[in-house]
Amino acid sequence: MMAPLSAGAVRPGRAVKRSVSIWELLVWAFQREKISIEFDELSRLAGERPGVGMEYTLMQRHNLGCSVDGGGRSEPHPDADLVSSALAALPEAVGGRRMAVWIASLAQSGQWPEVDCQPHAKCEPAAVRRCKHGVYAERTFWAGDGNMHRWPQSQLGKNDGYVCLVRYTGTARDVASQRRAWLEWRGALLELRSTFQIRGLTAFEVNDDLPPLAPWREGG
């Protein structure tokens, strides 16, 4: 699912703060300002202990006046640095570092998490082979898998004993996993939105807009 905003569409204002959603802010920070997340740099500079909240981290970031990013290029916008710091301090209750890295990856690509709004269960070959005649399901000689034994050798002909391994997609388990991941991602965005609405930014005001709670109920 594509996000409804490109990085170039959001620019810091000079006189009036620009109203943006938390997702627009993330896309701007990662695509336009090209920030990255440094989990250990801020702790080394500020002497922070593990487990402190995002608000404390942002306060220390302001006090230090340092840049989390670096490496021989122009400094990113201060608000982009704050986005990086907030992600690096994302609480474990909403996913911690694992979620921070995922959010950063999605923002860099400008895409929301994949969620199938109209799932259909399918049975597909586990592997395929291509030749001049087309694409065919790959077959393998069945030697058993610990649950189902192989056919007796005495009952097999020259071309017998082969199977086509398959996989099932779009099952209830796949759908539940996608939806659970979506809700966790949205919950982390809600946490970040609250943080920036409380702490504030120099060029942006984060509004209440969030991705839909359940796109599979709202037609995608």
Protein backbone atom coordinates (compact mmCIF):
# COMPACT_ATOMS: atom_id res chain seq x y z
CA MET A 1 0.00 0.00 0.00
CA MET A 2 1.46 3.33 -1.04
CA ALA A 3 1.57 6.31 1.27
CA PRO A 4 -0.37 9.34 -0.06
CA LEU A 5 2.60 11.72 0.12
CA SER A 6 5.96 12.19 -1.55
CA ALA A 7 8.94 13.52 0.37
CA GLY A 8 9.17 16.71 -1.67
CA ALA A 9 5.61 17.68 -0.80
CA VAL A 10 6.55 18.65 2.76
CA ARG A 11 8.93 21.56 3.34
CA PRO A 12 9.67 23.43 6.56
CA GLY A 13 8.03 26.85 6.60
CA ARG A 14 9.93 30.00 7.51
CA ALA A 15 7.23 32.15 9.11
CA VAL A 16 4.39 29.75 9.93
CA LYS A 17 4.70 26.17 11.07
CA ARG A 18 3.47 23.63 8.55
CA SER A 19 0.72 21.26 9.72
CA VAL A 20 1.64 17.66 8.87
CA SER A 21 0.64 14.19 9.92
CA ILE A 22 3.15 12.06 11.79
CA TRP A 23 3.56 9.89 8.68
CA GLU A 24 4.26 12.92 6.50
CA LEU A 25 6.86 14.05 9.02
CA LEU A 26 8.57 10.66 8.93
CA VAL A 27 8.61 10.53 5.13
CA TRP A 28 10.06 14.05 4.98
CA ALA A 29 12.76 13.25 7.54
CA PHE A 30 13.92 10.02 5.91
CA GLN A 31 13.44 10.78 2.22
CA ARG A 32 14.23 14.49 2.01
CA GLU A 33 16.61 14.99 4.95
CA LYS A 34 17.99 11.43 4.65
CA ILE A 35 18.39 10.86 8.36
CA SER A 36 19.31 7.54 9.90
CA ILE A 37 18.82 6.07 13.35
CA GLU A 38 21.80 5.92 15.71
CA PHE A 39 20.77 3.92 18.76
CA ASP A 40 24.06 4.25 20.64
CA GLU A 41 25.36 7.68 19.64
CA LEU A 42 22.91 9.65 21.76
CA SER A 43 23.56 7.47 24.80
CA ARG A 44 27.31 7.98 24.47
CA LEU A 45 27.00 11.76 24.25
CA ALA A 46 24.34 12.27 26.90
CA GLY A 47 25.22 9.47 29.28
CA GLU A 48 21.65 8.26 29.22
CA ARG A 49 20.58 5.12 30.94
CA PRO A 50 18.58 2.45 29.06
CA GLY A 51 14.83 2.70 29.27
CA VAL A 52 14.39 6.48 29.48
CA GLY A 53 11.37 7.96 27.74
CA MET A 54 11.29 9.73 24.40
CA GLU A 55 10.51 13.07 26.05
CA TYR A 56 13.68 12.91 28.16
CA THR A 57 15.74 11.96 25.12
CA LEU A 58 14.41 14.89 23.10
CA MET A 59 15.14 17.28 25.98
CA GLN A 60 18.73 16.02 26.13
CA ARG A 61 18.96 16.34 22.36
CA HIS A 62 17.95 20.01 22.65
CA ASN A 63 20.38 20.62 25.50
CA LEU A 64 23.32 19.01 23.71
CA GLY A 65 22.70 20.77 20.43
CA CYS A 66 24.36 17.81 18.73
CA SER A 67 23.47 15.97 15.57
CA VAL A 68 22.66 12.29 15.74
CA ASP A 69 23.56 11.94 12.11
CA GLY A 70 26.85 12.90 10.57
CA GLY A 71 29.45 11.78 8.08
CA GLY A 72 30.63 14.45 5.66
CA ARG A 73 27.44 16.03 4.38
CA SER A 74 25.27 19.02 5.19
CA GLU A 75 23.51 18.79 8.52
CA PRO A 76 19.88 17.66 8.43
CA HIS A 77 17.11 19.95 9.60
CA PRO A 78 16.82 20.09 13.43
CA ASP A 79 13.32 18.63 13.26
CA ALA A 80 14.67 15.67 11.30
CA ASP A 81 17.25 15.10 14.04
CA LEU A 82 14.45 15.07 16.59
CA VAL A 83 12.61 12.46 14.54
CA SER A 84 15.72 10.28 14.58
CA SER A 85 16.13 10.72 18.34
CA ALA A 86 12.48 9.92 19.03
CA LEU A 87 12.65 6.72 16.97
CA ALA A 88 15.88 5.67 18.69
CA ALA A 89 14.10 6.02 22.05
CA LEU A 90 10.85 4.35 21.00
CA PRO A 91 9.49 2.48 24.06
CA GLU A 92 9.56 -1.30 24.11
CA ALA A 93 5.82 -1.23 24.78
CA VAL A 94 5.27 -0.16 21.17
CA GLY A 95 8.01 -2.23 19.58
CA GLY A 96 11.28 -0.58 20.62
CA ARG A 97 14.24 -0.82 18.26
CA ARG A 98 12.65 -3.46 16.07
CA MET A 99 9.69 -1.20 15.35
CA ALA A 100 11.94 1.86 14.94
CA VAL A 101 13.96 0.14 12.20
CA TRP A 102 10.79 -1.02 10.47
CA ILE A 103 9.24 2.46 10.57
CA ALA A 104 12.45 3.94 9.17
CA SER A 105 12.51 1.40 6.33
CA LEU A 106 8.87 2.07 5.44
CA ALA A 107 9.34 5.84 5.55
CA GLN A 108 12.41 5.62 3.29
CA SER A 109 10.37 3.73 0.69
CA GLY A 110 7.22 5.81 1.26
CA GLN A 111 5.09 2.72 1.76
CA TRP A 112 2.69 1.59 4.42
CA PRO A 113 2.84 -2.01 5.69
CA GLU A 114 1.38 -4.55 3.32
CA VAL A 115 -2.13 -5.61 4.25
CA ASP A 116 -4.47 -7.55 1.98
CA CYS A 117 -7.89 -5.95 2.23
CA GLN A 118 -9.54 -8.70 0.18
CA PRO A 119 -7.61 -11.87 1.04
CA HIS A 120 -8.09 -15.06 -0.93
CA ALA A 121 -6.52 -18.33 0.10
CA LYS A 122 -4.35 -19.83 -2.64
CA CYS A 123 -2.37 -23.00 -3.13
CA GLU A 124 0.84 -22.39 -5.09
CA PRO A 125 3.88 -24.46 -6.02
CA ALA A 126 6.69 -24.04 -3.51
CA ALA A 127 9.12 -23.64 -6.42
CA VAL A 128 8.92 -23.37 -10.19
CA ARG A 129 11.28 -24.12 -13.06
CA ARG A 130 11.54 -22.36 -16.38
CA CYS A 131 12.40 -23.84 -19.73
CA LYS A 132 11.81 -23.07 -23.38
CA HIS A 133 8.35 -24.61 -23.12
CA GLY A 134 7.17 -22.38 -20.27
CA VAL A 135 7.00 -22.30 -16.48
CA TYR A 136 6.26 -25.48 -14.58
CA ALA A 137 5.90 -26.50 -10.97
CA GLU A 138 9.13 -28.02 -9.74
CA ARG A 139 8.93 -31.66 -8.73
CA THR A 140 11.07 -33.53 -6.27
CA PHE A 141 11.48 -37.18 -5.33
CA TRP A 142 9.58 -37.80 -2.13
CA ALA A 143 11.83 -39.25 0.57
CA GLY A 144 9.54 -38.55 3.52
CA ASP A 145 9.42 -35.67 5.95
CA GLY A 146 9.25 -37.39 9.31
CA ASN A 147 5.47 -37.41 9.31
CA MET A 148 4.70 -39.15 6.03
CA HIS A 149 7.05 -41.88 4.83
CA ARG A 150 8.24 -42.39 1.29
CA TRP A 151 6.59 -44.90 -1.00
CA PRO A 152 7.95 -48.43 -0.90
CA GLN A 153 10.64 -48.82 -3.57
CA SER A 154 9.08 -52.06 -4.75
CA GLN A 155 5.88 -50.23 -5.71
CA LEU A 156 7.54 -47.44 -7.67
CA GLY A 157 7.98 -47.39 -11.39
CA LYS A 158 10.63 -45.45 -13.29
CA ASN A 159 8.74 -42.15 -13.17
CA ASP A 160 6.90 -42.70 -9.90
CA GLY A 161 7.61 -41.28 -6.45
CA TYR A 162 7.72 -37.60 -7.42
CA VAL A 163 5.66 -34.88 -5.79
CA CYS A 164 5.05 -31.18 -6.28
CA LEU A 165 5.54 -29.37 -2.98
CA VAL A 166 3.03 -26.57 -2.41
CA ARG A 167 2.49 -23.67 -0.06
CA TYR A 168 -0.70 -21.96 1.04
CA THR A 169 -0.99 -18.16 1.08
CA GLY A 170 -3.79 -15.87 2.12
CA THR A 171 -4.77 -18.16 4.96
CA ALA A 172 -6.39 -16.98 8.18
CA ARG A 173 -2.97 -17.07 9.84
CA ASP A 174 -1.41 -14.87 7.13
CA VAL A 175 -4.27 -12.38 7.31
CA ALA A 176 -4.10 -12.22 11.12
CA SER A 177 -0.33 -11.67 11.01
CA GLN A 178 -0.64 -8.80 8.52
CA ARG A 179 -3.38 -7.11 10.50
CA ARG A 180 -1.54 -7.51 13.79
CA ALA A 181 1.58 -5.95 12.26
CA TRP A 182 -0.50 -3.06 10.89
CA LEU A 183 -2.02 -2.32 14.30
CA GLU A 184 1.39 -2.45 16.00
CA TRP A 185 2.82 -0.05 13.40
CA ARG A 186 -0.08 2.34 13.77
CA GLY A 187 0.23 2.18 17.56
CA ALA A 188 3.88 3.23 17.30
CA LEU A 189 2.89 6.16 15.04
CA LEU A 190 0.33 7.17 17.66
CA GLU A 191 3.07 7.19 20.30
CA LEU A 192 5.31 9.34 18.10
CA ARG A 193 2.43 11.69 17.29
CA SER A 194 1.74 12.26 20.99
CA THR A 195 5.42 12.91 21.66
CA PHE A 196 5.76 15.61 19.01
CA GLN A 197 2.44 17.20 19.88
CA ILE A 198 3.66 17.57 23.46
CA ARG A 199 7.26 18.52 22.79
CA GLY A 200 6.74 20.51 19.61
CA LEU A 201 8.98 21.10 16.58
CA THR A 202 10.57 24.21 15.09
CA ALA A 203 9.02 24.13 11.60
CA PHE A 204 6.11 21.70 11.85
CA GLU A 205 2.98 21.12 13.88
CA VAL A 206 1.93 17.48 14.01
CA ASN A 207 -1.83 17.18 13.50
CA ASP A 208 -4.09 14.31 14.53
CA ASP A 209 -4.12 12.53 11.16
CA LEU A 210 -3.16 8.85 11.26
CA PRO A 211 -3.40 5.97 8.78
CA PRO A 212 -6.77 4.18 9.02
CA LEU A 213 -7.24 1.92 12.01
CA ALA A 214 -8.52 -1.03 9.98
CA PRO A 215 -8.16 -0.51 6.20
CA TRP A 216 -9.53 -4.01 5.59
CA ARG A 217 -12.87 -2.73 6.94
CA GLU A 218 -12.75 0.53 5.02
CA GLY A 219 -12.21 -0.78 1.51
CA GLY A 220 -8.41 -0.51 1.42
